């Protein structure tokens, strides 16, 4: 088995200073007119899509319920339906705007599982391209993202409305 080491992630994992509040509660509580600044792409009755401000790859989005809960199993059937529907819409939008070769889709439930925000469950949708990893991040401690967040937002937003 091959391994790709990501030593820069340890700094993120060990950081002492954490954000106050919950971005999955605080950002959608703002006026919808602020959605672009908050990186919110779409809202439904029970769930929404937000871009990751610190993406693993260009196009990295997260789908979360509005209700603050840490456990995926606590979501109602209707919440699951809206989250799943938004995940599918994200895949469609990312395929249309970025043409990825594949996706990583998943939930990191709990801090031990890698959740940076463990108190509010969310689904990551990360587009992937063959050969999209390189040693720039390891050697230069730099993550190369070929598209600005604002450009990604502008391209995806029409697919998620």
N, C-alpha and C. Protein backbone atom coordinates (compact mmCIF):
# COMPACT_ATOMS: atom_id res chain seq x y z
N UNK A 1 0.85 -1.17 0.00
CA UNK A 1 0.00 0.00 0.00
C UNK A 1 0.90 1.24 0.00
N UNK A 2 0.56 2.18 -0.88
CA UNK A 2 1.28 3.45 -0.90
C UNK A 2 0.68 4.38 0.12
N UNK A 3 1.51 5.27 0.67
CA UNK A 3 1.03 6.25 1.63
C UNK A 3 1.48 7.63 1.21
N UNK A 4 0.59 8.55 1.34
CA UNK A 4 0.92 9.96 1.15
C UNK A 4 0.87 10.61 2.52
N UNK A 5 1.98 11.14 2.96
CA UNK A 5 2.05 11.78 4.27
C UNK A 5 1.67 13.24 4.15
N UNK A 6 0.90 13.71 5.08
CA UNK A 6 0.45 15.10 5.08
C UNK A 6 0.82 15.75 6.42
N UNK A 7 2.09 16.04 6.62
CA UNK A 7 2.52 16.58 7.91
C UNK A 7 1.93 17.95 8.26
N UNK A 8 1.53 18.72 7.26
CA UNK A 8 0.95 20.03 7.54
C UNK A 8 -0.40 19.91 8.25
N UNK A 9 -1.07 18.77 8.12
CA UNK A 9 -2.36 18.57 8.77
C UNK A 9 -2.21 18.46 10.29
N UNK A 10 -1.04 18.00 10.77
CA UNK A 10 -0.84 17.85 12.20
C UNK A 10 -0.94 19.19 12.91
N UNK A 11 -0.47 20.25 12.29
CA UNK A 11 -0.60 21.58 12.88
C UNK A 11 -2.07 21.93 13.05
N UNK A 12 -2.88 21.62 12.06
CA UNK A 12 -4.32 21.87 12.14
C UNK A 12 -4.94 21.03 13.25
N UNK A 13 -4.56 19.77 13.33
CA UNK A 13 -5.12 18.86 14.32
C UNK A 13 -4.75 19.29 15.74
N UNK A 14 -3.51 19.73 15.94
CA UNK A 14 -3.02 20.07 17.28
C UNK A 14 -3.30 21.50 17.71
N UNK A 15 -3.75 22.34 16.79
CA UNK A 15 -3.88 23.75 17.15
C UNK A 15 -4.76 23.91 18.39
N UNK A 16 -4.29 24.78 19.25
CA UNK A 16 -4.96 25.00 20.53
C UNK A 16 -6.14 25.94 20.34
N UNK A 17 -5.92 26.99 19.56
CA UNK A 17 -6.97 27.98 19.37
C UNK A 17 -8.03 27.45 18.43
N UNK A 18 -9.24 27.43 18.88
CA UNK A 18 -10.36 26.99 18.06
C UNK A 18 -11.31 28.16 17.86
N UNK A 19 -12.08 28.09 16.80
CA UNK A 19 -13.05 29.13 16.53
C UNK A 19 -14.14 29.12 17.59
N UNK A 20 -14.61 30.30 17.93
CA UNK A 20 -15.76 30.42 18.83
C UNK A 20 -17.02 30.16 18.00
N UNK A 21 -18.00 29.55 18.61
CA UNK A 21 -19.26 29.31 17.91
C UNK A 21 -19.17 28.16 16.93
N UNK A 22 -20.15 28.09 16.05
CA UNK A 22 -20.24 27.02 15.06
C UNK A 22 -20.48 27.65 13.69
N UNK A 23 -19.58 27.44 12.75
CA UNK A 23 -19.76 28.04 11.43
C UNK A 23 -21.01 27.52 10.74
N UNK A 24 -21.41 26.28 11.06
CA UNK A 24 -22.59 25.70 10.43
C UNK A 24 -23.89 26.23 11.02
N UNK A 25 -23.80 26.94 12.12
CA UNK A 25 -24.96 27.64 12.69
C UNK A 25 -24.85 29.14 12.44
N UNK A 26 -23.65 29.71 12.69
CA UNK A 26 -23.47 31.15 12.63
C UNK A 26 -23.57 31.72 11.21
N UNK A 27 -22.93 31.08 10.23
CA UNK A 27 -22.93 31.63 8.88
C UNK A 27 -24.32 31.58 8.22
N UNK A 28 -25.05 30.47 8.31
CA UNK A 28 -26.38 30.49 7.71
C UNK A 28 -27.39 31.37 8.47
N UNK A 29 -27.07 31.75 9.70
CA UNK A 29 -27.95 32.65 10.46
C UNK A 29 -27.88 34.08 9.94
N UNK A 30 -26.83 34.38 9.18
CA UNK A 30 -26.72 35.71 8.57
C UNK A 30 -27.77 35.85 7.47
N UNK A 31 -27.99 37.08 7.05
CA UNK A 31 -28.95 37.35 5.97
C UNK A 31 -28.51 36.63 4.70
N UNK A 32 -29.48 36.16 3.92
CA UNK A 32 -29.17 35.47 2.66
C UNK A 32 -28.39 36.37 1.71
N UNK A 33 -28.52 37.67 1.85
CA UNK A 33 -27.75 38.60 1.02
C UNK A 33 -26.25 38.46 1.25
N UNK A 34 -25.87 37.87 2.37
CA UNK A 34 -24.45 37.67 2.69
C UNK A 34 -23.95 36.27 2.30
N UNK A 35 -24.77 35.49 1.61
CA UNK A 35 -24.39 34.11 1.28
C UNK A 35 -23.08 34.02 0.51
N UNK A 36 -22.87 34.88 -0.45
CA UNK A 36 -21.63 34.79 -1.22
C UNK A 36 -20.42 35.04 -0.34
N UNK A 37 -20.48 36.05 0.52
CA UNK A 37 -19.37 36.35 1.43
C UNK A 37 -19.18 35.22 2.44
N UNK A 38 -20.26 34.55 2.80
CA UNK A 38 -20.20 33.43 3.74
C UNK A 38 -19.89 32.11 3.05
N UNK A 39 -19.77 32.13 1.72
CA UNK A 39 -19.49 30.96 0.89
C UNK A 39 -20.63 29.95 0.88
N UNK A 40 -21.85 30.40 1.19
CA UNK A 40 -23.02 29.53 1.13
C UNK A 40 -23.54 29.52 -0.31
N UNK A 41 -23.64 28.31 -0.85
CA UNK A 41 -24.05 28.14 -2.24
C UNK A 41 -25.54 27.90 -2.40
N UNK A 42 -26.15 27.24 -1.44
CA UNK A 42 -27.56 26.89 -1.57
C UNK A 42 -28.17 26.67 -0.19
N UNK A 43 -29.45 26.96 -0.11
CA UNK A 43 -30.22 26.73 1.11
C UNK A 43 -31.49 25.98 0.74
N UNK A 44 -31.84 25.02 1.56
CA UNK A 44 -33.12 24.37 1.47
C UNK A 44 -33.79 24.56 2.83
N UNK A 45 -34.92 23.94 3.03
CA UNK A 45 -35.64 24.11 4.29
C UNK A 45 -34.82 23.60 5.49
N UNK A 46 -34.17 22.45 5.34
CA UNK A 46 -33.50 21.80 6.47
C UNK A 46 -31.99 21.67 6.32
N UNK A 47 -31.43 22.01 5.17
CA UNK A 47 -30.00 21.81 4.93
C UNK A 47 -29.47 22.86 3.96
N UNK A 48 -28.15 22.96 3.91
CA UNK A 48 -27.51 23.96 3.04
C UNK A 48 -26.15 23.46 2.57
N UNK A 49 -25.60 24.16 1.56
CA UNK A 49 -24.29 23.85 1.01
C UNK A 49 -23.38 25.04 1.26
N UNK A 50 -22.19 24.77 1.76
CA UNK A 50 -21.21 25.82 2.01
C UNK A 50 -19.86 25.35 1.47
N UNK A 51 -19.11 26.28 0.89
CA UNK A 51 -17.77 25.93 0.43
C UNK A 51 -16.83 25.86 1.62
N UNK A 52 -15.83 25.01 1.53
CA UNK A 52 -14.83 24.92 2.57
C UNK A 52 -13.83 26.06 2.37
N UNK A 53 -13.68 26.91 3.37
CA UNK A 53 -12.76 28.05 3.30
C UNK A 53 -11.30 27.57 3.25
N UNK A 54 -11.04 26.38 3.75
CA UNK A 54 -9.71 25.78 3.73
C UNK A 54 -9.80 24.44 3.00
N UNK A 55 -10.02 24.49 1.67
CA UNK A 55 -10.35 23.27 0.91
C UNK A 55 -9.19 22.30 0.76
N UNK A 56 -9.54 21.02 0.71
CA UNK A 56 -8.57 19.98 0.39
C UNK A 56 -8.21 20.06 -1.08
N UNK A 57 -9.16 20.51 -1.90
CA UNK A 57 -9.00 20.66 -3.34
C UNK A 57 -9.94 21.76 -3.79
N UNK A 58 -9.69 22.32 -4.95
CA UNK A 58 -10.63 23.29 -5.50
C UNK A 58 -11.99 22.62 -5.66
N UNK A 59 -13.06 23.35 -5.32
CA UNK A 59 -14.40 22.82 -5.43
C UNK A 59 -14.89 22.08 -4.20
N UNK A 60 -14.08 22.00 -3.15
CA UNK A 60 -14.46 21.29 -1.92
C UNK A 60 -15.63 22.00 -1.25
N UNK A 61 -16.76 21.31 -1.15
CA UNK A 61 -17.96 21.86 -0.51
C UNK A 61 -18.39 20.94 0.64
N UNK A 62 -19.24 21.50 1.49
CA UNK A 62 -19.79 20.72 2.60
C UNK A 62 -21.30 20.92 2.62
N UNK A 63 -22.01 19.87 2.94
CA UNK A 63 -23.47 19.91 3.05
C UNK A 63 -23.80 19.61 4.51
N UNK A 64 -24.61 20.49 5.10
CA UNK A 64 -24.94 20.33 6.52
C UNK A 64 -26.41 20.60 6.77
N UNK A 65 -26.96 19.95 7.79
CA UNK A 65 -28.31 20.32 8.21
C UNK A 65 -28.23 21.65 8.96
N UNK A 66 -29.31 22.40 8.97
CA UNK A 66 -29.34 23.61 9.77
C UNK A 66 -29.32 23.27 11.26
N UNK A 67 -29.98 22.16 11.61
CA UNK A 67 -30.06 21.77 13.03
C UNK A 67 -28.69 21.36 13.53
N UNK A 68 -28.33 21.88 14.68
CA UNK A 68 -27.03 21.60 15.29
C UNK A 68 -27.07 20.25 15.99
N UNK A 69 -26.41 19.27 15.39
CA UNK A 69 -26.27 17.95 15.98
C UNK A 69 -24.95 17.36 15.52
N UNK A 70 -24.32 16.61 16.40
CA UNK A 70 -23.01 16.03 16.09
C UNK A 70 -23.11 14.65 15.46
N UNK A 71 -24.26 14.01 15.57
CA UNK A 71 -24.39 12.61 15.18
C UNK A 71 -25.23 12.45 13.91
N UNK A 72 -24.64 11.87 12.89
CA UNK A 72 -25.32 11.64 11.62
C UNK A 72 -26.58 10.80 11.82
N UNK A 73 -26.53 9.87 12.77
CA UNK A 73 -27.67 9.00 13.03
C UNK A 73 -28.84 9.76 13.67
N UNK A 74 -28.60 10.95 14.21
CA UNK A 74 -29.67 11.75 14.81
C UNK A 74 -30.50 12.52 13.78
N UNK A 75 -30.04 12.58 12.54
CA UNK A 75 -30.79 13.31 11.53
C UNK A 75 -32.11 12.61 11.26
N UNK A 76 -33.14 13.40 11.01
CA UNK A 76 -34.44 12.84 10.66
C UNK A 76 -34.39 12.34 9.21
N UNK A 77 -35.38 11.57 8.83
CA UNK A 77 -35.44 11.08 7.45
C UNK A 77 -35.50 12.24 6.48
N UNK A 78 -36.25 13.29 6.83
CA UNK A 78 -36.36 14.45 5.95
C UNK A 78 -35.02 15.20 5.84
N UNK A 79 -34.31 15.31 6.96
CA UNK A 79 -32.98 15.94 6.91
C UNK A 79 -32.02 15.12 6.06
N UNK A 80 -32.02 13.80 6.25
CA UNK A 80 -31.19 12.93 5.41
C UNK A 80 -31.53 13.13 3.94
N UNK A 81 -32.81 13.20 3.62
CA UNK A 81 -33.23 13.38 2.24
C UNK A 81 -32.70 14.67 1.63
N UNK A 82 -32.79 15.77 2.38
CA UNK A 82 -32.30 17.03 1.85
C UNK A 82 -30.78 17.07 1.77
N UNK A 83 -30.10 16.52 2.76
CA UNK A 83 -28.63 16.46 2.71
C UNK A 83 -28.21 15.63 1.50
N UNK A 84 -28.78 14.44 1.35
CA UNK A 84 -28.41 13.57 0.24
C UNK A 84 -28.71 14.21 -1.12
N UNK A 85 -29.86 14.87 -1.21
CA UNK A 85 -30.23 15.54 -2.46
C UNK A 85 -29.22 16.65 -2.79
N UNK A 86 -28.81 17.39 -1.78
CA UNK A 86 -27.83 18.45 -2.02
C UNK A 86 -26.45 17.89 -2.38
N UNK A 87 -26.08 16.77 -1.79
CA UNK A 87 -24.82 16.12 -2.18
C UNK A 87 -24.86 15.77 -3.66
N UNK A 88 -25.97 15.18 -4.10
CA UNK A 88 -26.11 14.82 -5.52
C UNK A 88 -26.05 16.06 -6.41
N UNK A 89 -26.69 17.15 -6.00
CA UNK A 89 -26.65 18.41 -6.78
C UNK A 89 -25.23 18.96 -6.84
N UNK A 90 -24.50 18.84 -5.74
CA UNK A 90 -23.10 19.30 -5.73
C UNK A 90 -22.28 18.50 -6.74
N UNK A 91 -22.47 17.20 -6.76
CA UNK A 91 -21.75 16.35 -7.72
C UNK A 91 -22.08 16.79 -9.14
N UNK A 92 -23.35 17.00 -9.43
CA UNK A 92 -23.75 17.44 -10.78
C UNK A 92 -23.11 18.78 -11.13
N UNK A 93 -23.15 19.73 -10.21
CA UNK A 93 -22.57 21.06 -10.46
C UNK A 93 -21.07 21.00 -10.63
N UNK A 94 -20.40 20.22 -9.80
CA UNK A 94 -18.95 20.10 -9.92
C UNK A 94 -18.56 19.40 -11.22
N UNK A 95 -19.32 18.39 -11.62
CA UNK A 95 -19.04 17.74 -12.91
C UNK A 95 -19.18 18.73 -14.06
N UNK A 96 -20.23 19.54 -14.01
CA UNK A 96 -20.49 20.49 -15.10
C UNK A 96 -19.48 21.63 -15.15
N UNK A 97 -18.99 22.06 -13.99
CA UNK A 97 -18.12 23.24 -13.96
C UNK A 97 -16.63 22.92 -13.88
N UNK A 98 -16.28 21.75 -13.34
CA UNK A 98 -14.86 21.45 -13.10
C UNK A 98 -14.38 20.15 -13.73
N UNK A 99 -15.30 19.31 -14.19
CA UNK A 99 -14.99 18.03 -14.83
C UNK A 99 -14.00 17.17 -14.04
N UNK A 100 -14.27 16.91 -12.76
CA UNK A 100 -13.36 16.05 -12.00
C UNK A 100 -13.43 14.61 -12.48
N UNK A 101 -12.38 13.85 -12.18
CA UNK A 101 -12.32 12.44 -12.56
C UNK A 101 -13.00 11.55 -11.52
N UNK A 102 -13.20 12.08 -10.32
CA UNK A 102 -13.82 11.32 -9.24
C UNK A 102 -14.13 12.23 -8.07
N UNK A 103 -14.61 11.63 -6.98
CA UNK A 103 -14.98 12.39 -5.78
C UNK A 103 -14.61 11.63 -4.53
N UNK A 104 -14.29 12.35 -3.48
CA UNK A 104 -14.29 11.82 -2.13
C UNK A 104 -15.54 12.43 -1.48
N UNK A 105 -16.39 11.58 -0.93
CA UNK A 105 -17.60 12.03 -0.26
C UNK A 105 -17.63 11.33 1.09
N UNK A 106 -17.74 12.13 2.16
CA UNK A 106 -17.75 11.48 3.45
C UNK A 106 -18.04 12.39 4.63
N UNK A 107 -18.24 11.73 5.76
CA UNK A 107 -18.53 12.39 7.02
C UNK A 107 -17.44 12.00 8.00
N UNK A 108 -16.81 12.99 8.59
CA UNK A 108 -15.85 12.75 9.67
C UNK A 108 -16.60 13.02 10.97
N UNK A 109 -17.15 11.99 11.57
CA UNK A 109 -17.99 12.17 12.76
C UNK A 109 -17.15 11.97 14.01
N UNK A 110 -16.95 13.07 14.73
CA UNK A 110 -16.15 13.05 15.96
C UNK A 110 -14.74 13.51 15.71
N UNK A 111 -14.16 14.13 16.72
CA UNK A 111 -12.80 14.65 16.60
C UNK A 111 -11.79 13.55 16.29
N UNK A 112 -11.98 12.37 16.87
CA UNK A 112 -11.06 11.25 16.62
C UNK A 112 -11.10 10.79 15.18
N UNK A 113 -12.20 11.06 14.49
CA UNK A 113 -12.35 10.68 13.08
C UNK A 113 -11.86 11.78 12.14
N UNK A 114 -11.35 12.87 12.71
CA UNK A 114 -10.81 13.94 11.88
C UNK A 114 -11.72 15.13 11.70
N UNK A 115 -12.85 15.16 12.37
CA UNK A 115 -13.77 16.29 12.23
C UNK A 115 -13.17 17.54 12.86
N UNK A 116 -12.97 18.57 12.05
CA UNK A 116 -12.47 19.84 12.57
C UNK A 116 -13.54 20.57 13.36
N UNK A 117 -14.79 20.35 12.97
CA UNK A 117 -15.95 20.89 13.68
C UNK A 117 -16.81 19.69 14.03
N UNK A 118 -16.52 19.10 15.18
CA UNK A 118 -17.13 17.83 15.55
C UNK A 118 -18.55 17.97 16.08
N UNK A 119 -18.95 19.16 16.49
CA UNK A 119 -20.26 19.35 17.12
C UNK A 119 -21.41 19.52 16.12
N UNK A 120 -21.09 19.66 14.83
CA UNK A 120 -22.15 19.85 13.83
C UNK A 120 -21.81 18.96 12.63
N UNK A 121 -22.57 17.91 12.46
CA UNK A 121 -22.31 16.94 11.39
C UNK A 121 -22.42 17.61 10.02
N UNK A 122 -21.56 17.21 9.11
CA UNK A 122 -21.57 17.74 7.75
C UNK A 122 -20.91 16.74 6.82
N UNK A 123 -21.32 16.78 5.56
CA UNK A 123 -20.81 15.87 4.54
C UNK A 123 -19.85 16.64 3.64
N UNK A 124 -18.65 16.11 3.47
CA UNK A 124 -17.66 16.70 2.56
C UNK A 124 -17.86 16.13 1.16
N UNK A 125 -17.81 16.99 0.17
CA UNK A 125 -17.81 16.58 -1.23
C UNK A 125 -16.55 17.21 -1.84
N UNK A 126 -15.57 16.36 -2.15
CA UNK A 126 -14.28 16.83 -2.64
C UNK A 126 -14.03 16.29 -4.04
N UNK A 127 -14.01 17.17 -5.05
CA UNK A 127 -13.69 16.69 -6.40
C UNK A 127 -12.22 16.29 -6.49
N UNK A 128 -11.95 15.26 -7.28
CA UNK A 128 -10.59 14.75 -7.43
C UNK A 128 -10.26 14.57 -8.90
N UNK A 129 -9.00 14.76 -9.23
CA UNK A 129 -8.48 14.56 -10.58
C UNK A 129 -7.30 13.62 -10.50
N UNK A 130 -7.16 12.79 -11.51
CA UNK A 130 -6.00 11.91 -11.56
C UNK A 130 -4.74 12.76 -11.46
N UNK A 131 -3.89 12.40 -10.52
CA UNK A 131 -2.63 13.13 -10.36
C UNK A 131 -2.78 14.47 -9.67
N UNK A 132 -3.87 14.68 -8.92
CA UNK A 132 -4.05 16.00 -8.29
C UNK A 132 -3.23 16.20 -7.02
N UNK A 133 -2.52 15.18 -6.58
CA UNK A 133 -1.63 15.37 -5.44
C UNK A 133 -0.21 15.50 -5.94
N UNK A 134 0.55 16.33 -5.25
CA UNK A 134 1.96 16.49 -5.59
C UNK A 134 2.74 16.81 -4.33
N UNK A 135 4.02 17.02 -4.47
CA UNK A 135 4.85 17.24 -3.29
C UNK A 135 5.00 18.70 -2.92
N UNK A 136 4.29 19.59 -3.60
CA UNK A 136 4.37 21.01 -3.28
C UNK A 136 3.97 21.26 -1.83
N UNK A 137 2.92 20.56 -1.37
CA UNK A 137 2.44 20.76 -0.02
C UNK A 137 3.42 20.23 1.02
N UNK A 138 4.11 19.15 0.70
CA UNK A 138 5.06 18.57 1.65
C UNK A 138 6.37 19.33 1.69
N UNK A 139 6.92 19.61 0.54
CA UNK A 139 8.23 20.27 0.46
C UNK A 139 8.12 21.77 0.71
N UNK A 140 7.16 22.42 0.08
CA UNK A 140 7.06 23.86 0.18
C UNK A 140 6.06 24.36 1.20
N UNK A 141 5.37 23.40 1.89
CA UNK A 141 4.32 23.76 2.84
C UNK A 141 3.31 24.72 2.22
N UNK A 142 2.97 24.45 0.95
CA UNK A 142 2.04 25.27 0.19
C UNK A 142 1.04 24.36 -0.49
N UNK A 143 -0.24 24.68 -0.39
CA UNK A 143 -1.26 23.94 -1.12
C UNK A 143 -1.61 24.76 -2.35
N UNK A 144 -1.49 24.15 -3.51
CA UNK A 144 -1.77 24.83 -4.76
C UNK A 144 -3.22 24.54 -5.15
N UNK A 145 -4.02 25.60 -5.20
CA UNK A 145 -5.41 25.49 -5.62
C UNK A 145 -5.56 26.29 -6.91
N UNK A 146 -5.95 25.66 -8.00
CA UNK A 146 -5.94 26.35 -9.28
C UNK A 146 -7.10 27.33 -9.51
N UNK A 147 -8.02 27.42 -8.56
CA UNK A 147 -9.15 28.33 -8.76
C UNK A 147 -9.47 29.04 -7.45
N UNK A 148 -9.71 30.35 -7.53
CA UNK A 148 -10.08 31.15 -6.36
C UNK A 148 -11.46 30.75 -5.86
N UNK A 149 -11.68 30.88 -4.55
CA UNK A 149 -12.96 30.51 -3.95
C UNK A 149 -14.11 31.26 -4.59
N UNK A 150 -13.93 32.55 -4.86
CA UNK A 150 -15.01 33.35 -5.45
C UNK A 150 -15.37 32.85 -6.85
N UNK A 151 -14.38 32.44 -7.63
CA UNK A 151 -14.66 31.90 -8.96
C UNK A 151 -15.40 30.57 -8.87
N UNK A 152 -15.00 29.73 -7.91
CA UNK A 152 -15.68 28.46 -7.71
C UNK A 152 -17.13 28.70 -7.30
N UNK A 153 -17.34 29.65 -6.39
CA UNK A 153 -18.71 29.98 -5.95
C UNK A 153 -19.56 30.41 -7.14
N UNK A 154 -19.03 31.31 -7.95
CA UNK A 154 -19.77 31.82 -9.10
C UNK A 154 -20.13 30.71 -10.10
N UNK A 155 -19.23 29.76 -10.28
CA UNK A 155 -19.50 28.67 -11.21
C UNK A 155 -20.51 27.66 -10.67
N UNK A 156 -20.45 27.37 -9.38
CA UNK A 156 -21.33 26.34 -8.79
C UNK A 156 -22.72 26.86 -8.43
N UNK A 157 -22.81 28.10 -8.00
CA UNK A 157 -24.08 28.62 -7.49
C UNK A 157 -25.28 28.39 -8.42
N UNK A 158 -25.15 28.61 -9.72
CA UNK A 158 -26.32 28.38 -10.59
C UNK A 158 -26.83 26.94 -10.59
N UNK A 159 -25.96 25.98 -10.32
CA UNK A 159 -26.36 24.57 -10.32
C UNK A 159 -27.06 24.16 -9.04
N UNK A 160 -26.96 24.98 -8.03
CA UNK A 160 -27.50 24.60 -6.72
C UNK A 160 -28.71 25.41 -6.29
N UNK A 161 -29.12 26.37 -7.09
CA UNK A 161 -30.27 27.20 -6.73
C UNK A 161 -31.56 26.47 -6.94
